[in-house]
Amino acid sequence: MTSSVICTLATICEMTKYIQILLILLTLSACGQNATEMKTPENANEMFVEFIGKKKFIKQPYPNYYPGIADEKMRPIFTEKINQIATDFKTVAESEKPTDKKYQEKIGIGLSRFADIYLELDTEDRERVCMYIEELMDIVGLESSNGQLNKFMYGFDPNEMTNKN
C-alpha cells in the first residue's frame, strides 16, 4: 500500500474511535439524570413485531422522501442494527419499570452500533436511521432522545448551543 492509503486508513480508524467514545459518553451522561417511569402501551408488542418485520431502507415517496439506501449491500447490516434497537426497546417495554432513561440508554447503545460503519452512512441514510428510532420512540411514547439523535445526525446537539448563550 502507498503511504497515503495507509495514512487515510489510520485517519478513518482514529475517527471511528472518537465516534465510539462520544457515543459512550452520551450514554453515560444520560444515565446520571432523573428517570421518569413510563407506562407501556397495550399494543406495543404488536407494534414492535410489525416494525421489525417491515422492509427498511427502501425508497420512500413524499412526504418522507428517501431515495433508498446508498449502498444496497449495506441494507441487511443497517436493518439488523435498527432491529436490534427495536428488540432493546421491546425488552425495556416488557420490564417491570420502564423509564425514559432506560429507553434513552438503548438509543445510545443502538447508535453506537453504527460507529463501525458511520463513514458509510450518507446524510439520507443517517436521517433514515433517526426516523426509524423516532418511530420506536412513538411506539412507547418517548418524547426525547436527550439530544442523541441530533448528535448522531449533525455531530452536536443544538439545544446545548442554545443553553450556552
N, C-alpha and C. Protein backbone atom coordinates (compact mmCIF):
# COMPACT_ATOMS: atom_id res chain seq x y z
N MET A 1 0.83 -1.18 0.00
CA MET A 1 0.00 0.00 0.00
C MET A 1 0.88 1.24 0.00
N THR A 2 0.32 2.29 -0.57
CA THR A 2 1.06 3.53 -0.56
C THR A 2 0.89 4.20 0.79
N SER A 3 1.77 5.13 1.06
CA SER A 3 1.72 5.79 2.36
C SER A 3 0.45 6.63 2.50
N SER A 4 -0.07 7.20 1.40
CA SER A 4 -1.30 8.00 1.51
C SER A 4 -2.50 7.13 1.85
N VAL A 5 -2.57 5.90 1.32
CA VAL A 5 -3.67 4.99 1.64
C VAL A 5 -3.58 4.58 3.10
N ILE A 6 -2.37 4.27 3.56
CA ILE A 6 -2.17 3.88 4.96
C ILE A 6 -2.55 5.03 5.88
N CYS A 7 -2.17 6.23 5.50
CA CYS A 7 -2.50 7.42 6.29
C CYS A 7 -4.02 7.61 6.34
N THR A 8 -4.70 7.45 5.21
CA THR A 8 -6.16 7.58 5.16
C THR A 8 -6.83 6.53 6.03
N LEU A 9 -6.38 5.29 5.97
CA LEU A 9 -6.94 4.23 6.79
C LEU A 9 -6.73 4.52 8.28
N ALA A 10 -5.57 5.03 8.62
CA ALA A 10 -5.29 5.37 10.02
C ALA A 10 -6.22 6.49 10.49
N THR A 11 -6.47 7.47 9.63
CA THR A 11 -7.37 8.57 9.96
C THR A 11 -8.78 8.06 10.18
N ILE A 12 -9.25 7.16 9.33
CA ILE A 12 -10.59 6.59 9.46
C ILE A 12 -10.70 5.81 10.77
N CYS A 13 -9.71 5.02 11.09
CA CYS A 13 -9.72 4.26 12.34
C CYS A 13 -9.76 5.19 13.54
N GLU A 14 -8.99 6.26 13.48
CA GLU A 14 -8.95 7.23 14.56
C GLU A 14 -10.32 7.91 14.72
N MET A 15 -10.96 8.27 13.61
CA MET A 15 -12.28 8.89 13.66
C MET A 15 -13.31 7.94 14.25
N THR A 16 -13.23 6.68 13.91
CA THR A 16 -14.15 5.68 14.43
C THR A 16 -14.01 5.58 15.94
N LYS A 17 -12.78 5.62 16.44
CA LYS A 17 -12.56 5.58 17.89
C LYS A 17 -13.23 6.77 18.57
N TYR A 18 -13.07 7.97 17.99
CA TYR A 18 -13.67 9.16 18.58
C TYR A 18 -15.19 9.09 18.58
N ILE A 19 -15.77 8.56 17.53
CA ILE A 19 -17.23 8.41 17.46
C ILE A 19 -17.70 7.45 18.54
N GLN A 20 -17.01 6.33 18.70
CA GLN A 20 -17.38 5.36 19.73
C GLN A 20 -17.27 5.97 21.12
N ILE A 21 -16.22 6.71 21.38
CA ILE A 21 -16.04 7.35 22.68
C ILE A 21 -17.16 8.36 22.92
N LEU A 22 -17.51 9.14 21.89
CA LEU A 22 -18.57 10.13 22.01
C LEU A 22 -19.89 9.46 22.36
N LEU A 23 -20.21 8.37 21.69
CA LEU A 23 -21.47 7.69 21.95
C LEU A 23 -21.50 7.07 23.35
N ILE A 24 -20.39 6.56 23.82
CA ILE A 24 -20.32 6.02 25.18
C ILE A 24 -20.53 7.14 26.19
N LEU A 25 -19.88 8.28 25.97
CA LEU A 25 -20.05 9.41 26.88
C LEU A 25 -21.48 9.90 26.90
N LEU A 26 -22.14 9.92 25.73
CA LEU A 26 -23.54 10.33 25.67
C LEU A 26 -24.41 9.39 26.49
N THR A 27 -24.16 8.12 26.37
CA THR A 27 -24.93 7.14 27.11
C THR A 27 -24.72 7.32 28.60
N LEU A 28 -23.48 7.50 29.03
CA LEU A 28 -23.19 7.67 30.45
C LEU A 28 -23.80 8.95 31.00
N SER A 29 -23.77 10.03 30.21
CA SER A 29 -24.35 11.29 30.69
C SER A 29 -25.86 11.19 30.82
N ALA A 30 -26.50 10.40 29.97
CA ALA A 30 -27.94 10.22 30.06
C ALA A 30 -28.31 9.45 31.32
N CYS A 31 -27.42 8.60 31.79
CA CYS A 31 -27.71 7.77 32.97
C CYS A 31 -27.73 8.59 34.26
N GLY A 32 -27.07 9.72 34.30
CA GLY A 32 -26.96 10.50 35.51
C GLY A 32 -28.15 11.40 35.79
N GLN A 33 -29.15 11.42 34.94
CA GLN A 33 -30.29 12.30 35.12
C GLN A 33 -31.46 11.54 35.73
N ASN A 34 -32.42 12.27 36.29
CA ASN A 34 -33.59 11.64 36.89
C ASN A 34 -34.41 10.90 35.85
N ALA A 35 -34.88 9.73 36.20
CA ALA A 35 -35.68 8.91 35.30
C ALA A 35 -37.16 9.12 35.57
N THR A 36 -37.95 9.09 34.51
CA THR A 36 -39.39 9.18 34.61
C THR A 36 -39.98 7.84 34.21
N GLU A 37 -40.74 7.24 35.11
CA GLU A 37 -41.35 5.95 34.80
C GLU A 37 -42.38 6.15 33.70
N MET A 38 -42.44 5.17 32.79
CA MET A 38 -43.35 5.25 31.65
C MET A 38 -44.26 4.04 31.64
N LYS A 39 -45.48 4.25 31.15
CA LYS A 39 -46.43 3.15 31.02
C LYS A 39 -46.37 2.66 29.57
N THR A 40 -46.14 1.37 29.40
CA THR A 40 -46.05 0.78 28.07
C THR A 40 -47.45 0.63 27.48
N PRO A 41 -47.68 1.14 26.28
CA PRO A 41 -48.99 0.97 25.63
C PRO A 41 -49.33 -0.51 25.47
N GLU A 42 -50.62 -0.83 25.56
CA GLU A 42 -51.06 -2.22 25.49
C GLU A 42 -50.67 -2.90 24.18
N ASN A 43 -50.67 -2.16 23.08
CA ASN A 43 -50.38 -2.76 21.76
C ASN A 43 -48.91 -2.64 21.36
N ALA A 44 -48.05 -2.29 22.31
CA ALA A 44 -46.63 -2.07 21.98
C ALA A 44 -45.99 -3.33 21.40
N ASN A 45 -46.26 -4.48 21.96
CA ASN A 45 -45.63 -5.71 21.49
C ASN A 45 -45.96 -5.95 20.01
N GLU A 46 -47.23 -5.80 19.63
CA GLU A 46 -47.62 -5.98 18.23
C GLU A 46 -46.93 -4.95 17.32
N MET A 47 -46.81 -3.72 17.83
CA MET A 47 -46.16 -2.67 17.04
C MET A 47 -44.67 -2.96 16.85
N PHE A 48 -44.02 -3.50 17.87
CA PHE A 48 -42.61 -3.87 17.74
C PHE A 48 -42.45 -4.99 16.70
N VAL A 49 -43.32 -5.99 16.76
CA VAL A 49 -43.26 -7.10 15.82
C VAL A 49 -43.46 -6.58 14.39
N GLU A 50 -44.43 -5.69 14.22
CA GLU A 50 -44.69 -5.10 12.90
C GLU A 50 -43.48 -4.31 12.42
N PHE A 51 -42.92 -3.50 13.31
CA PHE A 51 -41.75 -2.68 12.96
C PHE A 51 -40.58 -3.57 12.53
N ILE A 52 -40.28 -4.59 13.30
CA ILE A 52 -39.15 -5.47 12.99
C ILE A 52 -39.38 -6.20 11.67
N GLY A 53 -40.63 -6.53 11.37
CA GLY A 53 -40.93 -7.28 10.16
C GLY A 53 -40.94 -6.48 8.87
N LYS A 54 -41.02 -5.15 8.97
CA LYS A 54 -41.13 -4.38 7.72
C LYS A 54 -39.76 -4.19 7.05
N LYS A 55 -39.80 -4.08 5.74
CA LYS A 55 -38.58 -3.85 4.96
C LYS A 55 -38.11 -2.41 5.20
N LYS A 56 -36.84 -2.26 5.43
CA LYS A 56 -36.29 -0.95 5.77
C LYS A 56 -35.28 -0.47 4.74
N PHE A 57 -35.02 0.83 4.78
CA PHE A 57 -34.05 1.48 3.92
C PHE A 57 -34.42 1.32 2.44
N ILE A 58 -35.73 1.38 2.17
CA ILE A 58 -36.22 1.32 0.79
C ILE A 58 -36.67 2.71 0.37
N LYS A 59 -36.75 2.92 -0.92
CA LYS A 59 -37.15 4.21 -1.46
C LYS A 59 -38.53 4.59 -0.94
N GLN A 60 -38.67 5.85 -0.50
CA GLN A 60 -39.93 6.36 0.04
C GLN A 60 -40.32 7.63 -0.72
N PRO A 61 -41.60 7.76 -1.06
CA PRO A 61 -42.06 8.98 -1.73
C PRO A 61 -42.29 10.11 -0.72
N TYR A 62 -42.66 11.26 -1.22
CA TYR A 62 -43.06 12.40 -0.40
C TYR A 62 -44.19 11.95 0.50
N PRO A 63 -44.35 12.34 1.73
CA PRO A 63 -43.69 13.45 2.41
C PRO A 63 -42.39 13.06 3.11
N ASN A 64 -42.14 11.76 3.30
CA ASN A 64 -40.91 11.32 3.96
C ASN A 64 -39.91 10.84 2.92
N TYR A 65 -39.68 11.66 1.91
CA TYR A 65 -38.83 11.24 0.79
C TYR A 65 -37.51 10.66 1.26
N TYR A 66 -37.19 9.54 0.67
CA TYR A 66 -35.91 8.87 0.91
C TYR A 66 -35.56 8.14 -0.37
N PRO A 67 -34.36 8.37 -0.92
CA PRO A 67 -34.01 7.77 -2.22
C PRO A 67 -33.69 6.28 -2.14
N GLY A 68 -33.70 5.71 -0.94
CA GLY A 68 -33.27 4.32 -0.77
C GLY A 68 -31.82 4.31 -0.33
N ILE A 69 -31.40 3.19 0.20
CA ILE A 69 -30.04 3.09 0.74
C ILE A 69 -29.01 3.35 -0.36
N ALA A 70 -27.97 4.06 -0.01
CA ALA A 70 -26.95 4.43 -0.99
C ALA A 70 -26.20 3.19 -1.51
N ASP A 71 -25.90 2.25 -0.62
CA ASP A 71 -25.17 1.05 -0.99
C ASP A 71 -26.03 -0.17 -0.62
N GLU A 72 -26.62 -0.79 -1.63
CA GLU A 72 -27.58 -1.87 -1.42
C GLU A 72 -27.04 -3.01 -0.56
N LYS A 73 -25.76 -3.29 -0.65
CA LYS A 73 -25.21 -4.40 0.14
C LYS A 73 -25.19 -4.09 1.64
N MET A 74 -25.38 -2.83 1.99
CA MET A 74 -25.42 -2.45 3.40
C MET A 74 -26.82 -2.57 4.01
N ARG A 75 -27.86 -2.77 3.18
CA ARG A 75 -29.23 -2.82 3.69
C ARG A 75 -29.40 -3.85 4.82
N PRO A 76 -28.95 -5.12 4.65
CA PRO A 76 -29.16 -6.08 5.75
C PRO A 76 -28.39 -5.70 7.02
N ILE A 77 -27.26 -5.07 6.88
CA ILE A 77 -26.46 -4.65 8.04
C ILE A 77 -27.18 -3.53 8.79
N PHE A 78 -27.62 -2.51 8.05
CA PHE A 78 -28.35 -1.40 8.67
C PHE A 78 -29.65 -1.90 9.29
N THR A 79 -30.35 -2.77 8.57
CA THR A 79 -31.63 -3.29 9.05
C THR A 79 -31.45 -4.06 10.35
N GLU A 80 -30.42 -4.88 10.43
CA GLU A 80 -30.18 -5.63 11.66
C GLU A 80 -29.88 -4.70 12.82
N LYS A 81 -29.13 -3.65 12.58
CA LYS A 81 -28.79 -2.71 13.66
C LYS A 81 -30.05 -1.99 14.16
N ILE A 82 -30.92 -1.60 13.25
CA ILE A 82 -32.18 -0.94 13.64
C ILE A 82 -33.07 -1.93 14.38
N ASN A 83 -33.15 -3.15 13.88
CA ASN A 83 -33.99 -4.15 14.54
C ASN A 83 -33.47 -4.50 15.93
N GLN A 84 -32.15 -4.41 16.14
CA GLN A 84 -31.59 -4.64 17.48
C GLN A 84 -32.09 -3.55 18.44
N ILE A 85 -32.18 -2.31 17.95
CA ILE A 85 -32.70 -1.23 18.79
C ILE A 85 -34.16 -1.51 19.13
N ALA A 86 -34.93 -1.98 18.15
CA ALA A 86 -36.33 -2.31 18.41
C ALA A 86 -36.44 -3.42 19.46
N THR A 87 -35.59 -4.42 19.35
CA THR A 87 -35.59 -5.51 20.33
C THR A 87 -35.21 -4.99 21.72
N ASP A 88 -34.24 -4.08 21.77
CA ASP A 88 -33.85 -3.46 23.05
C ASP A 88 -35.03 -2.67 23.65
N PHE A 89 -35.73 -1.92 22.81
CA PHE A 89 -36.90 -1.16 23.27
C PHE A 89 -37.97 -2.12 23.79
N LYS A 90 -38.19 -3.21 23.09
CA LYS A 90 -39.19 -4.21 23.48
C LYS A 90 -38.84 -4.77 24.86
N THR A 91 -37.57 -5.03 25.09
CA THR A 91 -37.12 -5.55 26.38
C THR A 91 -37.41 -4.54 27.50
N VAL A 92 -37.14 -3.27 27.26
CA VAL A 92 -37.43 -2.24 28.26
C VAL A 92 -38.94 -2.15 28.48
N ALA A 93 -39.69 -2.15 27.37
CA ALA A 93 -41.15 -2.04 27.48
C ALA A 93 -41.75 -3.17 28.31
N GLU A 94 -41.17 -4.35 28.21
CA GLU A 94 -41.67 -5.52 28.94
C GLU A 94 -41.12 -5.61 30.36
N SER A 95 -40.19 -4.74 30.72
CA SER A 95 -39.59 -4.77 32.04
C SER A 95 -40.58 -4.26 33.09
N GLU A 96 -40.23 -4.49 34.34
CA GLU A 96 -41.13 -4.13 35.44
C GLU A 96 -41.35 -2.62 35.54
N LYS A 97 -40.28 -1.85 35.35
CA LYS A 97 -40.40 -0.39 35.48
C LYS A 97 -39.67 0.31 34.33
N PRO A 98 -40.30 0.39 33.15
CA PRO A 98 -39.65 1.11 32.06
C PRO A 98 -39.59 2.61 32.35
N THR A 99 -38.46 3.22 32.03
CA THR A 99 -38.30 4.66 32.23
C THR A 99 -37.76 5.29 30.96
N ASP A 100 -37.91 6.60 30.87
CA ASP A 100 -37.39 7.33 29.72
C ASP A 100 -35.87 7.15 29.62
N LYS A 101 -35.19 7.12 30.76
CA LYS A 101 -33.73 6.98 30.74
C LYS A 101 -33.28 5.62 30.23
N LYS A 102 -34.05 4.58 30.56
CA LYS A 102 -33.71 3.24 30.04
C LYS A 102 -33.83 3.20 28.53
N TYR A 103 -34.90 3.84 28.00
CA TYR A 103 -35.05 3.89 26.54
C TYR A 103 -33.93 4.73 25.91
N GLN A 104 -33.61 5.86 26.55
CA GLN A 104 -32.54 6.72 26.03
C GLN A 104 -31.20 5.99 26.05
N GLU A 105 -30.98 5.18 27.07
CA GLU A 105 -29.76 4.38 27.13
C GLU A 105 -29.72 3.41 25.94
N LYS A 106 -30.85 2.81 25.62
CA LYS A 106 -30.92 1.88 24.48
C LYS A 106 -30.69 2.60 23.16
N ILE A 107 -31.12 3.85 23.07
CA ILE A 107 -30.83 4.65 21.87
C ILE A 107 -29.33 4.84 21.74
N GLY A 108 -28.67 5.21 22.83
CA GLY A 108 -27.21 5.41 22.80
C GLY A 108 -26.47 4.15 22.40
N ILE A 109 -26.88 3.02 22.98
CA ILE A 109 -26.25 1.74 22.63
C ILE A 109 -26.50 1.43 21.15
N GLY A 110 -27.74 1.65 20.71
CA GLY A 110 -28.07 1.38 19.31
C GLY A 110 -27.29 2.23 18.34
N LEU A 111 -27.18 3.51 18.64
CA LEU A 111 -26.41 4.40 17.76
C LEU A 111 -24.93 4.02 17.76
N SER A 112 -24.43 3.55 18.90
CA SER A 112 -23.02 3.15 18.95
C SER A 112 -22.75 1.95 18.04
N ARG A 113 -23.78 1.16 17.76
CA ARG A 113 -23.61 0.02 16.85
C ARG A 113 -23.33 0.48 15.41
N PHE A 114 -23.61 1.73 15.11
CA PHE A 114 -23.34 2.27 13.78
C PHE A 114 -21.94 2.87 13.69
N ALA A 115 -21.21 2.93 14.79
CA ALA A 115 -19.89 3.59 14.80
C ALA A 115 -18.93 2.96 13.80
N ASP A 116 -18.97 1.63 13.67
CA ASP A 116 -18.03 0.97 12.77
C ASP A 116 -18.34 1.20 11.30
N ILE A 117 -19.55 1.66 11.00
CA ILE A 117 -19.93 1.92 9.60
C ILE A 117 -20.38 3.36 9.40
N TYR A 118 -20.12 4.21 10.39
CA TYR A 118 -20.60 5.59 10.35
C TYR A 118 -20.17 6.31 9.07
N LEU A 119 -18.95 6.08 8.64
CA LEU A 119 -18.45 6.77 7.45
C LEU A 119 -19.13 6.31 6.17
N GLU A 120 -19.79 5.15 6.22
CA GLU A 120 -20.52 4.65 5.06
C GLU A 120 -21.95 5.18 4.99
N LEU A 121 -22.38 5.88 6.03
CA LEU A 121 -23.73 6.44 6.07
C LEU A 121 -23.73 7.81 5.41
N ASP A 122 -24.49 7.95 4.33
CA ASP A 122 -24.62 9.30 3.78
C ASP A 122 -25.72 10.03 4.56
N THR A 123 -25.96 11.29 4.24
CA THR A 123 -26.91 12.10 5.00
C THR A 123 -28.30 11.48 5.03
N GLU A 124 -28.77 11.02 3.87
CA GLU A 124 -30.11 10.44 3.81
C GLU A 124 -30.21 9.17 4.66
N ASP A 125 -29.15 8.36 4.65
CA ASP A 125 -29.17 7.14 5.46
C ASP A 125 -29.15 7.46 6.95
N ARG A 126 -28.39 8.48 7.36
CA ARG A 126 -28.39 8.90 8.77
C ARG A 126 -29.78 9.41 9.16
N GLU A 127 -30.39 10.19 8.28
CA GLU A 127 -31.75 10.68 8.55
C GLU A 127 -32.71 9.52 8.71
N ARG A 128 -32.57 8.51 7.86
CA ARG A 128 -33.47 7.35 7.92
C ARG A 128 -33.26 6.59 9.24
N VAL A 129 -32.02 6.43 9.68
CA VAL A 129 -31.75 5.79 10.97
C VAL A 129 -32.49 6.56 12.07
N CYS A 130 -32.37 7.87 12.06
CA CYS A 130 -33.04 8.70 13.08
C CYS A 130 -34.56 8.56 12.99
N MET A 131 -35.09 8.51 11.77
CA MET A 131 -36.55 8.36 11.63
C MET A 131 -37.03 7.02 12.17
N TYR A 132 -36.26 5.96 11.94
CA TYR A 132 -36.65 4.66 12.50
C TYR A 132 -36.64 4.69 14.03
N ILE A 133 -35.64 5.34 14.60
CA ILE A 133 -35.60 5.44 16.06
C ILE A 133 -36.77 6.28 16.56
N GLU A 134 -37.11 7.34 15.83
CA GLU A 134 -38.27 8.15 16.21
C GLU A 134 -39.55 7.31 16.16
N GLU A 135 -39.68 6.41 15.18
CA GLU A 135 -40.83 5.51 15.13
C GLU A 135 -40.90 4.66 16.40
N LEU A 136 -39.75 4.15 16.82
CA LEU A 136 -39.71 3.34 18.05
C LEU A 136 -40.07 4.18 19.26
N MET A 137 -39.60 5.42 19.29
CA MET A 137 -39.93 6.32 20.38
C MET A 137 -41.44 6.56 20.43
N ASP A 138 -42.06 6.70 19.26
CA ASP A 138 -43.51 6.90 19.20
C ASP A 138 -44.27 5.69 19.74
N ILE A 139 -43.76 4.50 19.48
CA ILE A 139 -44.44 3.28 19.97
C ILE A 139 -44.59 3.31 21.48
N VAL A 140 -43.56 3.76 22.19
CA VAL A 140 -43.59 3.74 23.66
C VAL A 140 -43.92 5.10 24.27
N GLY A 141 -44.08 6.12 23.44
CA GLY A 141 -44.40 7.45 23.95
C GLY A 141 -43.21 8.21 24.52
N LEU A 142 -42.02 7.87 24.06
CA LEU A 142 -40.81 8.57 24.49
C LEU A 142 -40.72 9.89 23.73
N GLU A 143 -40.65 10.99 24.46
CA GLU A 143 -40.69 12.31 23.84
C GLU A 143 -39.33 12.83 23.40
N SER A 144 -38.25 12.32 23.98
CA SER A 144 -36.94 12.88 23.69
C SER A 144 -35.86 11.80 23.69
N SER A 145 -34.92 11.97 22.78
CA SER A 145 -33.75 11.10 22.78
C SER A 145 -32.64 11.70 23.63
N ASN A 146 -32.94 12.83 24.27
CA ASN A 146 -31.97 13.57 25.08
C ASN A 146 -30.81 14.08 24.23
N GLY A 147 -31.13 14.49 23.01
CA GLY A 147 -30.12 15.08 22.12
C GLY A 147 -29.30 14.08 21.33
N GLN A 148 -29.49 12.80 21.57
CA GLN A 148 -28.64 11.78 20.93
C GLN A 148 -28.86 11.71 19.42
N LEU A 149 -30.10 11.87 18.97
CA LEU A 149 -30.36 11.81 17.53
C LEU A 149 -29.72 13.01 16.82
N ASN A 150 -29.80 14.18 17.43
CA ASN A 150 -29.15 15.36 16.85
C ASN A 150 -27.64 15.17 16.78
N LYS A 151 -27.07 14.62 17.83
CA LYS A 151 -25.61 14.41 17.83
C LYS A 151 -25.22 13.38 16.78
N PHE A 152 -26.03 12.34 16.61
CA PHE A 152 -25.75 11.33 15.59
C PHE A 152 -25.86 11.95 14.20
N MET A 153 -26.90 12.74 13.99
CA MET A 153 -27.17 13.31 12.67
C MET A 153 -26.20 14.44 12.32
N TYR A 154 -26.01 15.36 13.25
CA TYR A 154 -25.27 16.59 12.95
C TYR A 154 -23.92 16.71 13.64
N GLY A 155 -23.65 15.84 14.60
CA GLY A 155 -22.39 15.92 15.33
C GLY A 155 -22.46 16.80 16.56
N PHE A 156 -23.61 17.42 16.82
CA PHE A 156 -23.79 18.24 18.02
C PHE A 156 -25.28 18.32 18.33
N ASP A 157 -25.58 18.73 19.55
CA ASP A 157 -26.96 18.92 19.97
C ASP A 157 -27.25 20.41 19.95
N PRO A 158 -28.16 20.87 19.07
CA PRO A 158 -28.46 22.31 19.01
C PRO A 158 -28.96 22.87 20.34
N ASN A 159 -29.58 22.05 21.16
CA ASN A 159 -30.06 22.52 22.47
C ASN A 159 -28.90 22.93 23.36
N GLU A 160 -27.76 22.24 23.26
CA GLU A 160 -26.59 22.62 24.05
C GLU A 160 -26.06 23.97 23.61
N MET A 161 -26.15 24.24 22.33
CA MET A 161 -25.68 25.54 21.81
C MET A 161 -26.59 26.65 22.34
N THR A 162 -27.91 26.41 22.38
CA THR A 162 -28.86 27.38 22.87
C THR A 162 -28.68 27.63 24.35
N ASN A 163 -28.46 26.58 25.11
CA ASN A 163 -28.31 26.69 26.56
C ASN A 163 -27.05 27.47 26.97
N LYS A 164 -26.03 27.49 26.12
CA LYS A 164 -24.78 28.19 26.45
C LYS A 164 -24.89 29.69 26.24
N ASN A 165 -25.84 30.10 25.42
CA ASN A 165 -25.98 31.55 25.12
C ASN A 165 -26.77 32.28 26.17
